[in-house]
Amino acid sequence: MRRGGFTIVEILVSLGIVTLLIAIIYSTFHYIFGTNSRHSLTSLTRRSFVQKDARAGLRRLIYRLREGIQIVEPLPGRGGTTLVFRDITNQKIRIRLDSTQHKVVSERESGSAWVFESTPTLVQAGNGTLPASWPVSMSNCTSLHFTVLSPESVSIAASLVSEGQTGTYMTVIKLRNAYLSL
């Protein structure tokens, strides 16, 4: 009479299969969640957030410039790393790359000095005040170049770094309030 049980060979084969399955699952999780892999879930998520911040920064830069009324520096036909323009309140605004922080910032002229913008520009509208523009802040920027096409339009080229990869963004912006008289 034979008893119902497992032989040593059956146990060793099943242990080998279980070990192989654990190794496959471990390597899959390591590939998906490991921080060293470029294709890992955490790396893709981090890169996605950096790209999202870059797009938001570019959008703020474009909106800030569109609300301008006149480009002051550089002169039309010239380019540079700094752009000075007048905004809807007729104040001079400077947009530049802060190379120490790899960040594009906007500054407002205050007397003879430039002061970082930290609050939105407010204008009177009807019975109250409304924000006309927001400060520019764009991180992970390694280079920025403006080419003034006319007193009302400018070309922008910016290089942004994300996870060691550099992406270059170019756009042309026309000031929508260029013919507004204050």
C-alpha atoms as a PDB file:
ATOM      1  CA  MET A   1       0.000   0.000   0.000  1.00  0.00           C
ATOM      2  CA  ARG A   2       1.428   3.334  -1.097  1.00  0.00           C
ATOM      3  CA  ARG A   3       1.022   6.447   1.059  1.00  0.00           C
ATOM      4  CA  GLY A   4       0.043   9.824  -0.447  1.00  0.00           C
ATOM      5  CA  GLY A   5       3.056  12.141  -0.199  1.00  0.00           C
ATOM      6  CA  PHE A   6       5.671  13.981  -2.190  1.00  0.00           C
ATOM      7  CA  THR A   7       9.023  12.635  -3.222  1.00  0.00           C
ATOM      8  CA  ILE A   8      12.197  14.639  -2.750  1.00  0.00           C
ATOM      9  CA  VAL A   9      12.427  15.143  -6.519  1.00  0.00           C
ATOM     10  CA  GLU A  10       8.918  16.654  -6.659  1.00  0.00           C
ATOM     11  CA  ILE A  11       9.747  18.995  -3.771  1.00  0.00           C
ATOM     12  CA  LEU A  12      13.026  20.128  -5.397  1.00  0.00           C
ATOM     13  CA  VAL A  13      11.307  20.751  -8.758  1.00  0.00           C
ATOM     14  CA  SER A  14       8.548  22.793  -7.103  1.00  0.00           C
ATOM     15  CA  LEU A  15      11.147  24.811  -5.109  1.00  0.00           C
ATOM     16  CA  GLY A  16      13.041  25.504  -8.336  1.00  0.00           C
ATOM     17  CA  ILE A  17       9.864  26.719 -10.056  1.00  0.00           C
ATOM     18  CA  VAL A  18       8.948  28.938  -7.079  1.00  0.00           C
ATOM     19  CA  THR A  19      12.497  30.364  -6.955  1.00  0.00           C
ATOM     20  CA  LEU A  20      12.379  31.121 -10.679  1.00  0.00           C
ATOM     21  CA  LEU A  21       8.993  32.885 -10.302  1.00  0.00           C
ATOM     22  CA  ILE A  22      10.280  34.961  -7.363  1.00  0.00           C
ATOM     23  CA  ALA A  23      13.362  35.983  -9.364  1.00  0.00           C
ATOM     24  CA  ILE A  24      11.196  37.065 -12.316  1.00  0.00           C
ATOM     25  CA  ILE A  25       8.828  39.034 -10.076  1.00  0.00           C
ATOM     26  CA  TYR A  26      11.742  40.661  -8.192  1.00  0.00           C
ATOM     27  CA  SER A  27      13.509  41.734 -11.395  1.00  0.00           C
ATOM     28  CA  THR A  28      10.236  43.110 -12.806  1.00  0.00           C
ATOM     29  CA  PHE A  29       9.594  45.158  -9.662  1.00  0.00           C
ATOM     30  CA  HIS A  30      13.205  46.315  -9.624  1.00  0.00           C
ATOM     31  CA  TYR A  31      12.902  47.406 -13.269  1.00  0.00           C
ATOM     32  CA  ILE A  32       9.615  49.246 -12.651  1.00  0.00           C
ATOM     33  CA  PHE A  33      10.351  50.828  -9.259  1.00  0.00           C
ATOM     34  CA  GLY A  34      14.164  51.031  -9.215  1.00  0.00           C
ATOM     35  CA  THR A  35      15.612  54.546  -9.145  1.00  0.00           C
ATOM     36  CA  ASN A  36      18.652  53.741 -11.285  1.00  0.00           C
ATOM     37  CA  SER A  37      16.700  52.713 -14.353  1.00  0.00           C
ATOM     38  CA  ARG A  38      15.792  55.404 -16.895  1.00  0.00           C
ATOM     39  CA  HIS A  39      12.585  53.563 -17.668  1.00  0.00           C
ATOM     40  CA  SER A  40      11.503  53.017 -14.087  1.00  0.00           C
ATOM     41  CA  LEU A  41       8.141  54.204 -12.882  1.00  0.00           C
ATOM     42  CA  THR A  42       9.662  56.637 -10.357  1.00  0.00           C
ATOM     43  CA  SER A  43      12.051  58.051 -12.951  1.00  0.00           C
ATOM     44  CA  LEU A  44       9.236  58.522 -15.463  1.00  0.00           C
ATOM     45  CA  THR A  45       7.071  60.151 -12.802  1.00  0.00           C
ATOM     46  CA  ARG A  46       9.877  62.504 -11.751  1.00  0.00           C
ATOM     47  CA  ARG A  47      10.610  63.386 -15.380  1.00  0.00           C
ATOM     48  CA  SER A  48       6.897  63.959 -15.955  1.00  0.00           C
ATOM     49  CA  PHE A  49       6.752  66.420 -13.047  1.00  0.00           C
ATOM     50  CA  VAL A  50       9.840  68.275 -14.310  1.00  0.00           C
ATOM     51  CA  GLN A  51       8.321  68.532 -17.794  1.00  0.00           C
ATOM     52  CA  LYS A  52       5.019  69.658 -16.310  1.00  0.00           C
ATOM     53  CA  ASP A  53       6.816  72.391 -14.337  1.00  0.00           C
ATOM     54  CA  ALA A  54       8.720  73.426 -17.473  1.00  0.00           C
ATOM     55  CA  ARG A  55       5.502  73.698 -19.495  1.00  0.00           C
ATOM     56  CA  ALA A  56       3.870  75.721 -16.712  1.00  0.00           C
ATOM     57  CA  GLY A  57       6.913  78.028 -16.554  1.00  0.00           C
ATOM     58  CA  LEU A  58       6.888  78.527 -20.326  1.00  0.00           C
ATOM     59  CA  ARG A  59       3.171  79.236 -20.213  1.00  0.00           C
ATOM     60  CA  ARG A  60       3.689  81.893 -17.481  1.00  0.00           C
ATOM     61  CA  LEU A  61       6.505  83.443 -19.527  1.00  0.00           C
ATOM     62  CA  ILE A  62       4.328  83.578 -22.654  1.00  0.00           C
ATOM     63  CA  TYR A  63       1.342  85.007 -20.771  1.00  0.00           C
ATOM     64  CA  ARG A  64       3.567  87.590 -19.057  1.00  0.00           C
ATOM     65  CA  LEU A  65       4.972  88.782 -22.373  1.00  0.00           C
ATOM     66  CA  ARG A  66       1.601  88.826 -24.133  1.00  0.00           C
ATOM     67  CA  GLU A  67       0.345  91.301 -21.539  1.00  0.00           C
ATOM     68  CA  GLY A  68       3.172  93.714 -22.411  1.00  0.00           C
ATOM     69  CA  ILE A  69       2.749  96.911 -24.376  1.00  0.00           C
ATOM     70  CA  GLN A  70       6.272  97.537 -25.750  1.00  0.00           C
ATOM     71  CA  ILE A  71       9.646  95.805 -25.878  1.00  0.00           C
ATOM     72  CA  VAL A  72      12.358  98.199 -24.700  1.00  0.00           C
ATOM     73  CA  GLU A  73      15.597  96.153 -24.846  1.00  0.00           C
ATOM     74  CA  PRO A  74      17.167  94.766 -26.958  1.00  0.00           C
ATOM     75  CA  LEU A  75      16.315  96.826 -29.999  1.00  0.00           C
ATOM     76  CA  PRO A  76      14.421  95.255 -32.928  1.00  0.00           C
ATOM     77  CA  GLY A  77      16.650  93.035 -35.038  1.00  0.00           C
ATOM     78  CA  ARG A  78      18.913  92.264 -32.079  1.00  0.00           C
ATOM     79  CA  GLY A  79      18.999  89.528 -29.492  1.00  0.00           C
ATOM     80  CA  GLY A  80      20.232  88.811 -26.026  1.00  0.00           C
ATOM     81  CA  THR A  81      19.790  86.852 -22.838  1.00  0.00           C
ATOM     82  CA  THR A  82      17.723  89.566 -21.147  1.00  0.00           C
ATOM     83  CA  LEU A  83      14.450  91.108 -22.278  1.00  0.00           C
ATOM     84  CA  VAL A  84      13.099  94.408 -20.939  1.00  0.00           C
ATOM     85  CA  PHE A  85       9.546  95.450 -21.769  1.00  0.00           C
ATOM     86  CA  ARG A  86       6.757  97.650 -20.446  1.00  0.00           C
ATOM     87  CA  ASP A  87       3.738  95.892 -19.008  1.00  0.00           C
ATOM     88  CA  ILE A  88       0.116  96.966 -18.918  1.00  0.00           C
ATOM     89  CA  THR A  89       0.812  99.250 -15.928  1.00  0.00           C
ATOM     90  CA  ASN A  90       3.598 100.946 -17.976  1.00  0.00           C
ATOM     91  CA  GLN A  91       6.319  99.671 -15.629  1.00  0.00           C
ATOM     92  CA  LYS A  92       9.554  98.167 -16.906  1.00  0.00           C
ATOM     93  CA  ILE A  93       9.826  94.403 -16.478  1.00  0.00           C
ATOM     94  CA  ARG A  94      12.997  92.409 -17.046  1.00  0.00           C
ATOM     95  CA  ILE A  95      13.021  88.695 -17.795  1.00  0.00           C
ATOM     96  CA  ARG A  96      16.347  86.924 -17.507  1.00  0.00           C
ATOM     97  CA  LEU A  97      18.033  83.646 -16.659  1.00  0.00           C
ATOM     98  CA  ASP A  98      19.395  83.470 -13.108  1.00  0.00           C
ATOM     99  CA  SER A  99      22.360  81.232 -13.977  1.00  0.00           C
ATOM    100  CA  THR A 100      23.183  80.429 -10.339  1.00  0.00           C
ATOM    101  CA  GLN A 101      19.802  78.726  -9.865  1.00  0.00           C
ATOM    102  CA  HIS A 102      19.156  77.715 -13.522  1.00  0.00           C
ATOM    103  CA  LYS A 103      15.872  79.563 -13.252  1.00  0.00           C
ATOM    104  CA  VAL A 104      14.119  82.133 -15.459  1.00  0.00           C
ATOM    105  CA  VAL A 105      12.824  85.021 -13.351  1.00  0.00           C
ATOM    106  CA  SER A 106      10.948  88.266 -13.871  1.00  0.00           C
ATOM    107  CA  GLU A 107      11.968  91.475 -12.159  1.00  0.00           C
ATOM    108  CA  ARG A 108      10.264  94.852 -11.824  1.00  0.00           C
ATOM    109  CA  GLU A 109      12.185  98.128 -12.009  1.00  0.00           C
ATOM    110  CA  SER A 110      12.051  99.938  -8.678  1.00  0.00           C
ATOM    111  CA  GLY A 111      13.944 103.227  -8.848  1.00  0.00           C
ATOM    112  CA  SER A 112      17.347 102.328 -10.247  1.00  0.00           C
ATOM    113  CA  ALA A 113      17.286  98.694  -9.063  1.00  0.00           C
ATOM    114  CA  TRP A 114      15.579  95.517 -10.236  1.00  0.00           C
ATOM    115  CA  VAL A 115      13.389  93.664  -7.706  1.00  0.00           C
ATOM    116  CA  PHE A 116      12.144  90.087  -8.123  1.00  0.00           C
ATOM    117  CA  GLU A 117       8.432  89.913  -8.816  1.00  0.00           C
ATOM    118  CA  SER A 118       6.701  87.889  -6.130  1.00  0.00           C
ATOM    119  CA  THR A 119       3.063  88.945  -6.479  1.00  0.00           C
ATOM    120  CA  PRO A 120       0.778  89.394  -9.485  1.00  0.00           C
ATOM    121  CA  THR A 121       0.368  92.775 -11.133  1.00  0.00           C
ATOM    122  CA  LEU A 122      -3.082  94.130 -10.273  1.00  0.00           C
ATOM    123  CA  VAL A 123      -5.157  96.537 -12.373  1.00  0.00           C
ATOM    124  CA  GLN A 124      -8.408  98.375 -11.711  1.00  0.00           C
ATOM    125  CA  ALA A 125     -11.343  96.771 -13.488  1.00  0.00           C
ATOM    126  CA  GLY A 126     -14.879  97.928 -12.886  1.00  0.00           C
ATOM    127  CA  ASN A 127     -15.571  97.922  -9.165  1.00  0.00           C
ATOM    128  CA  GLY A 128     -12.421  96.074  -8.071  1.00  0.00           C
ATOM    129  CA  THR A 129      -8.930  94.936  -8.933  1.00  0.00           C
ATOM    130  CA  LEU A 130      -7.953  91.963 -11.056  1.00  0.00           C
ATOM    131  CA  PRO A 131      -4.593  90.263 -11.625  1.00  0.00           C
ATOM    132  CA  ALA A 132      -3.227  91.326 -15.030  1.00  0.00           C
ATOM    133  CA  SER A 133      -0.103  89.165 -14.978  1.00  0.00           C
ATOM    134  CA  TRP A 134       1.789  86.726 -12.788  1.00  0.00           C
ATOM    135  CA  PRO A 135       5.523  86.593 -11.962  1.00  0.00           C
ATOM    136  CA  VAL A 136       7.637  84.345 -14.176  1.00  0.00           C
ATOM    137  CA  SER A 137       9.460  81.458 -12.538  1.00  0.00           C
ATOM    138  CA  MET A 138      10.795  78.591 -14.654  1.00  0.00           C
ATOM    139  CA  SER A 139      13.246  76.073 -13.188  1.00  0.00           C
ATOM    140  CA  ASN A 140      15.764  73.753 -14.886  1.00  0.00           C
ATOM    141  CA  CYS A 141      16.602  76.255 -17.634  1.00  0.00           C
ATOM    142  CA  THR A 142      20.205  76.173 -18.862  1.00  0.00           C
ATOM    143  CA  SER A 143      20.017  78.766 -21.625  1.00  0.00           C
ATOM    144  CA  LEU A 144      17.639  81.505 -22.702  1.00  0.00           C
ATOM    145  CA  HIS A 145      17.840  83.751 -25.738  1.00  0.00           C
ATOM    146  CA  PHE A 146      15.488  86.478 -26.930  1.00  0.00           C
ATOM    147  CA  THR A 147      15.460  87.863 -30.476  1.00  0.00           C
ATOM    148  CA  VAL A 148      13.353  90.996 -30.875  1.00  0.00           C
ATOM    149  CA  LEU A 149      11.603  90.966 -34.232  1.00  0.00           C
ATOM    150  CA  SER A 150       9.764  94.271 -33.750  1.00  0.00           C
ATOM    151  CA  PRO A 151       8.731  96.440 -30.780  1.00  0.00           C
ATOM    152  CA  GLU A 152       5.657  94.186 -30.558  1.00  0.00           C
ATOM    153  CA  SER A 153       7.062  90.679 -31.099  1.00  0.00           C
ATOM    154  CA  VAL A 154       9.898  88.526 -29.805  1.00  0.00           C
ATOM    155  CA  SER A 155      11.303  85.072 -30.497  1.00  0.00           C
ATOM    156  CA  ILE A 156      12.314  82.956 -27.497  1.00  0.00           C
ATOM    157  CA  ALA A 157      14.640  79.950 -27.417  1.00  0.00           C
ATOM    158  CA  ALA A 158      15.025  78.130 -24.091  1.00  0.00           C
ATOM    159  CA  SER A 159      16.882  74.942 -23.188  1.00  0.00           C
ATOM    160  CA  LEU A 160      15.487  72.940 -20.292  1.00  0.00           C
ATOM    161  CA  VAL A 161      17.111  69.960 -18.577  1.00  0.00           C
ATOM    162  CA  SER A 162      15.122  66.977 -17.338  1.00  0.00           C
ATOM    163  CA  GLU A 163      16.771  63.787 -16.055  1.00  0.00           C
ATOM    164  CA  GLY A 164      20.018  64.638 -17.818  1.00  0.00           C
ATOM    165  CA  GLN A 165      18.288  65.238 -21.155  1.00  0.00           C
ATOM    166  CA  THR A 166      18.072  68.700 -22.683  1.00  0.00           C
ATOM    167  CA  GLY A 167      15.027  69.873 -24.592  1.00  0.00           C
ATOM    168  CA  THR A 168      14.952  73.099 -26.596  1.00  0.00           C
ATOM    169  CA  TYR A 169      11.758  75.102 -26.873  1.00  0.00           C
ATOM    170  CA  MET A 170      11.260  77.903 -29.375  1.00  0.00           C
ATOM    171  CA  THR A 171       8.290  80.222 -29.837  1.00  0.00           C
ATOM    172  CA  VAL A 172       7.370  83.642 -31.194  1.00  0.00           C
ATOM    173  CA  ILE A 173       5.218  85.934 -29.065  1.00  0.00           C
ATOM    174  CA  LYS A 174       3.287  89.006 -30.153  1.00  0.00           C
ATOM    175  CA  LEU A 175       2.417  91.500 -27.444  1.00  0.00           C
ATOM    176  CA  ARG A 176      -1.370  91.724 -27.478  1.00  0.00           C
ATOM    177  CA  ASN A 177      -1.526  95.179 -25.863  1.00  0.00           C
ATOM    178  CA  ALA A 178       1.123  96.729 -28.141  1.00  0.00           C
ATOM    179  CA  TYR A 179      -1.133  99.471 -29.408  1.00  0.00           C
ATOM    180  CA  LEU A 180      -2.734 100.246 -26.074  1.00  0.00           C
ATOM    181  CA  SER A 181      -2.164 103.862 -25.038  1.00  0.00           C
ATOM    182  CA  LEU A 182      -1.812 104.615 -21.367  1.00  0.00           C
END
